Amino acid sequence: MITTRHRAGGRVEVHACPRASPSSQVKDLKEHQAQRVAQYIQQHYTVGDELKRSIRDNVLALIRMQSYRGQRWGAHTLGPWTGC
């Protein structure tokens, strides 16, 4: 059972393992518990290469719009080869 609790300040606690304490560390989880947490994260959040691709596409869209944010973000995240 996976439960989600919303807390003040926008923090979200995800409990994918009913036997694991919310304060437990990853190194203390059993293999199957860690797999359940990883599976939940992959299903509900954008991670890895997909996240990088999404960020790059958003920055390139800002650059194409010639927005101030696009100029600032493009120079820092994509490097000088974007023509900013």
C-alpha atoms as a PDB file:
ATOM      1  CA  MET A   1       0.000   0.000   0.000  1.00  0.00           C
ATOM      2  CA  ILE A   2       1.323   3.411  -0.970  1.00  0.00           C
ATOM      3  CA  THR A   3       0.174   6.447   0.973  1.00  0.00           C
ATOM      4  CA  THR A   4       0.985  10.094   0.416  1.00  0.00           C
ATOM      5  CA  ARG A   5       0.821  12.797   3.066  1.00  0.00           C
ATOM      6  CA  HIS A   6       1.036  16.488   2.229  1.00  0.00           C
ATOM      7  CA  ARG A   7       2.771  18.682   4.763  1.00  0.00           C
ATOM      8  CA  ALA A   8       3.151  22.404   5.233  1.00  0.00           C
ATOM      9  CA  GLY A   9       5.700  24.043   2.984  1.00  0.00           C
ATOM     10  CA  GLY A  10       4.860  21.864  -0.020  1.00  0.00           C
ATOM     11  CA  ARG A  11       6.689  18.794   1.281  1.00  0.00           C
ATOM     12  CA  VAL A  12       5.228  15.458   0.355  1.00  0.00           C
ATOM     13  CA  GLU A  13       5.923  12.254   2.208  1.00  0.00           C
ATOM     14  CA  VAL A  14       5.558   9.068   0.196  1.00  0.00           C
ATOM     15  CA  HIS A  15       5.203   5.796   2.054  1.00  0.00           C
ATOM     16  CA  ALA A  16       5.558   3.003  -0.488  1.00  0.00           C
ATOM     17  CA  CYS A  17       6.562   0.442   2.119  1.00  0.00           C
ATOM     18  CA  PRO A  18       4.109  -0.133   4.946  1.00  0.00           C
ATOM     19  CA  ARG A  19       6.744  -1.715   7.186  1.00  0.00           C
ATOM     20  CA  ALA A  20       9.370   0.971   6.640  1.00  0.00           C
ATOM     21  CA  SER A  21       9.430   3.959   8.938  1.00  0.00           C
ATOM     22  CA  PRO A  22       9.269   7.388   7.277  1.00  0.00           C
ATOM     23  CA  SER A  23      12.510   8.257   9.062  1.00  0.00           C
ATOM     24  CA  SER A  24      14.366   5.149   7.839  1.00  0.00           C
ATOM     25  CA  GLN A  25      17.276   5.570   5.456  1.00  0.00           C
ATOM     26  CA  VAL A  26      17.648   3.900   2.080  1.00  0.00           C
ATOM     27  CA  LYS A  27      20.596   1.843   3.302  1.00  0.00           C
ATOM     28  CA  ASP A  28      18.328   0.307   5.970  1.00  0.00           C
ATOM     29  CA  LEU A  29      15.599  -0.819   3.537  1.00  0.00           C
ATOM     30  CA  LYS A  30      15.348  -4.370   2.311  1.00  0.00           C
ATOM     31  CA  GLU A  31      15.797  -4.988  -1.429  1.00  0.00           C
ATOM     32  CA  HIS A  32      12.096  -5.423  -2.188  1.00  0.00           C
ATOM     33  CA  GLN A  33      11.224  -2.272  -0.230  1.00  0.00           C
ATOM     34  CA  ALA A  34      13.798  -0.245  -2.148  1.00  0.00           C
ATOM     35  CA  GLN A  35      12.440  -1.617  -5.432  1.00  0.00           C
ATOM     36  CA  ARG A  36       8.899  -0.567  -4.513  1.00  0.00           C
ATOM     37  CA  VAL A  37      10.045   2.951  -3.680  1.00  0.00           C
ATOM     38  CA  ALA A  38      12.038   3.190  -6.937  1.00  0.00           C
ATOM     39  CA  GLN A  39       9.062   1.888  -8.922  1.00  0.00           C
ATOM     40  CA  TYR A  40       6.730   4.431  -7.311  1.00  0.00           C
ATOM     41  CA  ILE A  41       9.113   7.296  -8.061  1.00  0.00           C
ATOM     42  CA  GLN A  42       9.527   6.238 -11.700  1.00  0.00           C
ATOM     43  CA  GLN A  43       5.750   5.991 -12.182  1.00  0.00           C
ATOM     44  CA  HIS A  44       4.828   9.298 -10.545  1.00  0.00           C
ATOM     45  CA  TYR A  45       7.784  11.607 -11.214  1.00  0.00           C
ATOM     46  CA  THR A  46       9.922  12.617 -14.165  1.00  0.00           C
ATOM     47  CA  VAL A  47      13.461  11.360 -13.506  1.00  0.00           C
ATOM     48  CA  GLY A  48      16.753  10.633 -15.241  1.00  0.00           C
ATOM     49  CA  ASP A  49      17.239  11.320 -18.934  1.00  0.00           C
ATOM     50  CA  GLU A  50      13.576  12.185 -19.386  1.00  0.00           C
ATOM     51  CA  LEU A  51      13.928  14.973 -16.806  1.00  0.00           C
ATOM     52  CA  LYS A  52      17.081  16.302 -18.495  1.00  0.00           C
ATOM     53  CA  ARG A  53      15.350  16.240 -21.895  1.00  0.00           C
ATOM     54  CA  SER A  54      12.316  18.053 -20.510  1.00  0.00           C
ATOM     55  CA  ILE A  55      14.437  20.781 -18.919  1.00  0.00           C
ATOM     56  CA  ARG A  56      16.469  21.209 -22.112  1.00  0.00           C
ATOM     57  CA  ASP A  57      13.315  21.468 -24.234  1.00  0.00           C
ATOM     58  CA  ASN A  58      11.804  24.050 -21.883  1.00  0.00           C
ATOM     59  CA  VAL A  59      14.974  26.151 -21.919  1.00  0.00           C
ATOM     60  CA  LEU A  60      15.187  25.963 -25.717  1.00  0.00           C
ATOM     61  CA  ALA A  61      11.548  27.095 -25.950  1.00  0.00           C
ATOM     62  CA  LEU A  62      12.373  30.107 -23.767  1.00  0.00           C
ATOM     63  CA  ILE A  63      15.380  30.869 -25.975  1.00  0.00           C
ATOM     64  CA  ARG A  64      13.262  30.648 -29.149  1.00  0.00           C
ATOM     65  CA  MET A  65      10.784  33.110 -27.588  1.00  0.00           C
ATOM     66  CA  GLN A  66      13.749  35.422 -26.973  1.00  0.00           C
ATOM     67  CA  SER A  67      12.665  35.874 -23.378  1.00  0.00           C
ATOM     68  CA  TYR A  68      14.937  37.236 -20.691  1.00  0.00           C
ATOM     69  CA  ARG A  69      14.669  33.940 -18.784  1.00  0.00           C
ATOM     70  CA  GLY A  70      15.708  32.086 -21.926  1.00  0.00           C
ATOM     71  CA  GLN A  71      18.827  34.201 -22.271  1.00  0.00           C
ATOM     72  CA  ARG A  72      19.748  33.752 -18.624  1.00  0.00           C
ATOM     73  CA  TRP A  73      18.948  30.027 -18.353  1.00  0.00           C
ATOM     74  CA  GLY A  74      20.413  29.167 -21.732  1.00  0.00           C
ATOM     75  CA  ALA A  75      23.786  30.621 -20.870  1.00  0.00           C
ATOM     76  CA  HIS A  76      23.961  28.671 -17.607  1.00  0.00           C
ATOM     77  CA  THR A  77      22.336  25.341 -18.389  1.00  0.00           C
ATOM     78  CA  LEU A  78      23.145  24.698 -22.037  1.00  0.00           C
ATOM     79  CA  GLY A  79      26.458  26.472 -22.377  1.00  0.00           C
ATOM     80  CA  PRO A  80      27.779  28.896 -24.976  1.00  0.00           C
ATOM     81  CA  TRP A  81      26.908  26.700 -27.988  1.00  0.00           C
ATOM     82  CA  THR A  82      23.237  27.783 -27.929  1.00  0.00           C
ATOM     83  CA  GLY A  83      24.029  31.172 -29.419  1.00  0.00           C
ATOM     84  CA  CYS A  84      22.804  33.196 -26.450  1.00  0.00           C
END
